[in-house]
Amino acid sequence: MLIPDQGRDRPELYKSTTTDQNGNFEIRGIAPGGYKAFAWETLEPNSYFDRDVLSQYEQLGKPIRIQESSKESIDLKVIPPKQ
C-alpha cells in the first residue's frame, strides 16, 4: 500500500496491490510525490483512510519518493495483524 505524505484526504493518491507467489509487487500510475509504503499481512478494507488506525502503523511505513516516469524498487517487511 502506498499512502501519500500530502493529500491524505485524496483517495485517488492511495495505491494498493497484492504480491505474487514470490512476494514481488508492481504499482503503476502513481502521481509524483512523497509516500509511505506499507506491507500489511491483513488489514480491514479501507481502514488505512482512518487517521486513528493509520497512526498505529505510521512508524512502520517506509518512505519513498516517486518522480515522474521513474521506476523505483523497495523492500518491505510484512506487518503482522494486531493481536
N, C-alpha and C. Protein backbone atom coordinates (compact mmCIF):
# COMPACT_ATOMS: atom_id res chain seq x y z
N MET A 1 0.84 -1.17 0.00
CA MET A 1 0.00 0.00 0.00
C MET A 1 0.89 1.23 0.00
N LEU A 2 0.61 2.15 -0.92
CA LEU A 2 1.29 3.45 -0.91
C LEU A 2 0.31 4.48 -0.39
N ILE A 3 0.74 5.23 0.62
CA ILE A 3 -0.08 6.27 1.22
C ILE A 3 0.67 7.58 1.08
N PRO A 4 0.01 8.60 0.51
CA PRO A 4 0.72 9.86 0.26
C PRO A 4 1.08 10.59 1.55
N ASP A 5 2.23 11.29 1.51
CA ASP A 5 2.62 12.14 2.64
C ASP A 5 1.70 13.35 2.72
N GLN A 6 1.38 13.90 1.57
CA GLN A 6 0.49 15.07 1.47
C GLN A 6 -0.78 14.63 0.74
N GLY A 7 -1.90 15.25 1.04
CA GLY A 7 -3.13 14.94 0.33
C GLY A 7 -3.79 13.65 0.79
N ARG A 8 -3.69 13.36 2.08
CA ARG A 8 -4.30 12.12 2.57
C ARG A 8 -5.82 12.15 2.52
N ASP A 9 -6.37 13.30 2.21
CA ASP A 9 -7.82 13.40 2.02
C ASP A 9 -8.21 13.13 0.56
N ARG A 10 -7.24 12.72 -0.26
CA ARG A 10 -7.49 12.43 -1.68
C ARG A 10 -7.30 10.94 -1.94
N PRO A 11 -8.38 10.18 -1.89
CA PRO A 11 -8.28 8.72 -2.05
C PRO A 11 -7.62 8.28 -3.35
N GLU A 12 -7.68 9.09 -4.39
CA GLU A 12 -7.09 8.69 -5.67
C GLU A 12 -5.56 8.62 -5.61
N LEU A 13 -4.95 9.20 -4.58
CA LEU A 13 -3.49 9.14 -4.42
C LEU A 13 -3.04 7.87 -3.72
N TYR A 14 -3.95 7.16 -3.08
CA TYR A 14 -3.63 5.90 -2.41
C TYR A 14 -3.55 4.80 -3.46
N LYS A 15 -2.55 3.95 -3.36
CA LYS A 15 -2.39 2.86 -4.32
C LYS A 15 -2.16 1.55 -3.57
N SER A 16 -2.84 0.52 -4.01
CA SER A 16 -2.66 -0.78 -3.35
C SER A 16 -2.46 -1.87 -4.39
N THR A 17 -1.89 -2.96 -3.93
CA THR A 17 -1.67 -4.12 -4.78
C THR A 17 -1.47 -5.32 -3.87
N THR A 18 -1.37 -6.48 -4.46
CA THR A 18 -1.02 -7.68 -3.73
C THR A 18 0.27 -8.24 -4.33
N THR A 19 0.92 -9.10 -3.58
CA THR A 19 2.18 -9.67 -4.05
C THR A 19 1.93 -10.95 -4.85
N ASP A 20 2.92 -11.31 -5.65
CA ASP A 20 2.85 -12.59 -6.34
C ASP A 20 3.37 -13.68 -5.40
N GLN A 21 3.50 -14.90 -5.89
CA GLN A 21 3.92 -16.03 -5.06
C GLN A 21 5.33 -15.86 -4.49
N ASN A 22 6.12 -14.96 -5.08
CA ASN A 22 7.48 -14.71 -4.60
C ASN A 22 7.59 -13.47 -3.73
N GLY A 23 6.47 -12.82 -3.47
CA GLY A 23 6.48 -11.62 -2.65
C GLY A 23 6.78 -10.35 -3.42
N ASN A 24 6.80 -10.42 -4.75
CA ASN A 24 7.06 -9.24 -5.58
C ASN A 24 5.75 -8.53 -5.90
N PHE A 25 5.85 -7.24 -6.13
CA PHE A 25 4.67 -6.47 -6.49
C PHE A 25 5.06 -5.34 -7.43
N GLU A 26 4.05 -4.80 -8.10
CA GLU A 26 4.26 -3.67 -9.01
C GLU A 26 3.03 -2.78 -8.91
N ILE A 27 3.27 -1.48 -8.83
CA ILE A 27 2.19 -0.50 -8.82
C ILE A 27 2.48 0.50 -9.93
N ARG A 28 1.49 0.76 -10.75
CA ARG A 28 1.64 1.71 -11.85
C ARG A 28 0.70 2.90 -11.64
N GLY A 29 0.97 3.98 -12.36
CA GLY A 29 0.08 5.14 -12.33
C GLY A 29 0.14 5.93 -11.04
N ILE A 30 1.32 6.03 -10.47
CA ILE A 30 1.50 6.76 -9.22
C ILE A 30 1.84 8.22 -9.52
N ALA A 31 1.12 9.12 -8.90
CA ALA A 31 1.42 10.55 -9.06
C ALA A 31 2.76 10.85 -8.37
N PRO A 32 3.58 11.72 -8.97
CA PRO A 32 4.84 12.10 -8.33
C PRO A 32 4.60 12.68 -6.94
N GLY A 33 5.55 12.40 -6.04
CA GLY A 33 5.45 12.93 -4.68
C GLY A 33 6.02 11.97 -3.66
N GLY A 34 5.87 12.34 -2.40
CA GLY A 34 6.34 11.52 -1.30
C GLY A 34 5.25 10.59 -0.81
N TYR A 35 5.63 9.38 -0.46
CA TYR A 35 4.70 8.36 0.02
C TYR A 35 5.34 7.57 1.14
N LYS A 36 4.52 6.82 1.84
CA LYS A 36 5.00 5.78 2.74
C LYS A 36 4.44 4.48 2.21
N ALA A 37 5.28 3.46 2.17
CA ALA A 37 4.87 2.14 1.69
C ALA A 37 4.69 1.22 2.89
N PHE A 38 3.60 0.46 2.86
CA PHE A 38 3.27 -0.48 3.92
C PHE A 38 2.98 -1.83 3.30
N ALA A 39 3.31 -2.89 4.03
CA ALA A 39 3.01 -4.26 3.58
C ALA A 39 2.26 -4.98 4.70
N TRP A 40 0.97 -4.74 4.77
CA TRP A 40 0.16 -5.41 5.78
C TRP A 40 -0.15 -6.83 5.36
N GLU A 41 -0.06 -7.75 6.32
CA GLU A 41 -0.49 -9.12 6.06
C GLU A 41 -2.01 -9.13 5.88
N THR A 42 -2.70 -8.47 6.79
CA THR A 42 -4.14 -8.27 6.69
C THR A 42 -4.48 -6.94 7.33
N LEU A 43 -5.51 -6.31 6.81
CA LEU A 43 -6.00 -5.05 7.36
C LEU A 43 -7.43 -4.89 6.87
N GLU A 44 -8.29 -4.42 7.74
CA GLU A 44 -9.69 -4.21 7.35
C GLU A 44 -9.73 -3.31 6.11
N PRO A 45 -10.57 -3.65 5.14
CA PRO A 45 -10.66 -2.83 3.93
C PRO A 45 -10.93 -1.36 4.25
N ASN A 46 -10.18 -0.50 3.58
CA ASN A 46 -10.30 0.96 3.69
C ASN A 46 -9.98 1.55 5.07
N SER A 47 -9.50 0.73 6.01
CA SER A 47 -9.19 1.28 7.33
C SER A 47 -7.95 2.18 7.30
N TYR A 48 -7.15 2.08 6.24
CA TYR A 48 -5.98 2.95 6.12
C TYR A 48 -6.38 4.40 5.86
N PHE A 49 -7.66 4.66 5.56
CA PHE A 49 -8.15 6.03 5.44
C PHE A 49 -8.44 6.64 6.81
N ASP A 50 -8.54 5.82 7.83
CA ASP A 50 -8.84 6.27 9.20
C ASP A 50 -7.54 6.72 9.87
N ARG A 51 -7.45 7.98 10.21
CA ARG A 51 -6.23 8.54 10.82
C ARG A 51 -5.83 7.81 12.10
N ASP A 52 -6.82 7.40 12.90
CA ASP A 52 -6.51 6.71 14.15
C ASP A 52 -5.89 5.35 13.89
N VAL A 53 -6.40 4.63 12.90
CA VAL A 53 -5.83 3.33 12.55
C VAL A 53 -4.44 3.52 11.97
N LEU A 54 -4.30 4.43 11.05
CA LEU A 54 -3.01 4.64 10.39
C LEU A 54 -1.94 5.09 11.39
N SER A 55 -2.33 5.88 12.38
CA SER A 55 -1.34 6.36 13.36
C SER A 55 -0.70 5.20 14.13
N GLN A 56 -1.39 4.06 14.24
CA GLN A 56 -0.83 2.89 14.93
C GLN A 56 0.31 2.25 14.13
N TYR A 57 0.34 2.52 12.82
CA TYR A 57 1.32 1.88 11.94
C TYR A 57 2.30 2.87 11.29
N GLU A 58 2.09 4.13 11.48
CA GLU A 58 2.85 5.17 10.76
C GLU A 58 4.36 4.93 10.82
N GLN A 59 4.89 4.57 11.98
CA GLN A 59 6.34 4.38 12.14
C GLN A 59 6.84 3.14 11.39
N LEU A 60 5.94 2.25 10.95
CA LEU A 60 6.33 1.05 10.23
C LEU A 60 6.38 1.25 8.71
N GLY A 61 5.89 2.40 8.26
CA GLY A 61 5.91 2.69 6.83
C GLY A 61 7.32 3.06 6.37
N LYS A 62 7.61 2.72 5.13
CA LYS A 62 8.94 3.02 4.56
C LYS A 62 8.78 4.18 3.58
N PRO A 63 9.46 5.30 3.83
CA PRO A 63 9.35 6.46 2.93
C PRO A 63 9.90 6.16 1.54
N ILE A 64 9.24 6.71 0.55
CA ILE A 64 9.69 6.59 -0.84
C ILE A 64 9.23 7.83 -1.59
N ARG A 65 10.10 8.34 -2.46
CA ARG A 65 9.77 9.50 -3.29
C ARG A 65 9.65 9.03 -4.73
N ILE A 66 8.51 9.35 -5.33
CA ILE A 66 8.24 8.97 -6.71
C ILE A 66 8.38 10.21 -7.59
N GLN A 67 9.16 10.07 -8.65
CA GLN A 67 9.31 11.15 -9.62
C GLN A 67 8.66 10.72 -10.93
N GLU A 68 8.30 11.69 -11.73
CA GLU A 68 7.63 11.39 -12.99
C GLU A 68 8.48 10.46 -13.85
N SER A 69 7.85 9.44 -14.39
CA SER A 69 8.48 8.44 -15.27
C SER A 69 9.60 7.65 -14.59
N SER A 70 9.63 7.63 -13.27
CA SER A 70 10.68 6.88 -12.59
C SER A 70 10.22 5.44 -12.34
N LYS A 71 11.20 4.61 -12.10
CA LYS A 71 10.95 3.22 -11.75
C LYS A 71 11.72 2.97 -10.46
N GLU A 72 11.01 2.72 -9.38
CA GLU A 72 11.63 2.57 -8.07
C GLU A 72 11.51 1.13 -7.60
N SER A 73 12.41 0.75 -6.72
CA SER A 73 12.39 -0.57 -6.12
C SER A 73 12.45 -0.37 -4.61
N ILE A 74 11.69 -1.18 -3.88
CA ILE A 74 11.65 -1.05 -2.43
C ILE A 74 11.44 -2.43 -1.81
N ASP A 75 12.13 -2.69 -0.71
CA ASP A 75 11.93 -3.91 0.05
C ASP A 75 11.14 -3.55 1.30
N LEU A 76 10.10 -4.32 1.56
CA LEU A 76 9.24 -4.05 2.71
C LEU A 76 9.19 -5.25 3.64
N LYS A 77 9.02 -4.97 4.91
CA LYS A 77 8.81 -6.01 5.91
C LYS A 77 7.30 -6.12 6.13
N VAL A 78 6.79 -7.34 6.13
CA VAL A 78 5.35 -7.57 6.32
C VAL A 78 4.95 -7.17 7.74
N ILE A 79 3.85 -6.44 7.83
CA ILE A 79 3.30 -6.01 9.12
C ILE A 79 2.25 -7.05 9.52
N PRO A 80 2.51 -7.79 10.61
CA PRO A 80 1.53 -8.81 11.03
C PRO A 80 0.27 -8.17 11.61
N PRO A 81 -0.82 -8.95 11.66
CA PRO A 81 -2.05 -8.43 12.25
C PRO A 81 -1.86 -8.10 13.73
N LYS A 82 -2.59 -7.10 14.20
CA LYS A 82 -2.57 -6.76 15.64
C LYS A 82 -3.27 -7.87 16.40
N GLN A 83 -2.70 -8.25 17.52
CA GLN A 83 -3.30 -9.30 18.35
C GLN A 83 -4.28 -8.74 19.33
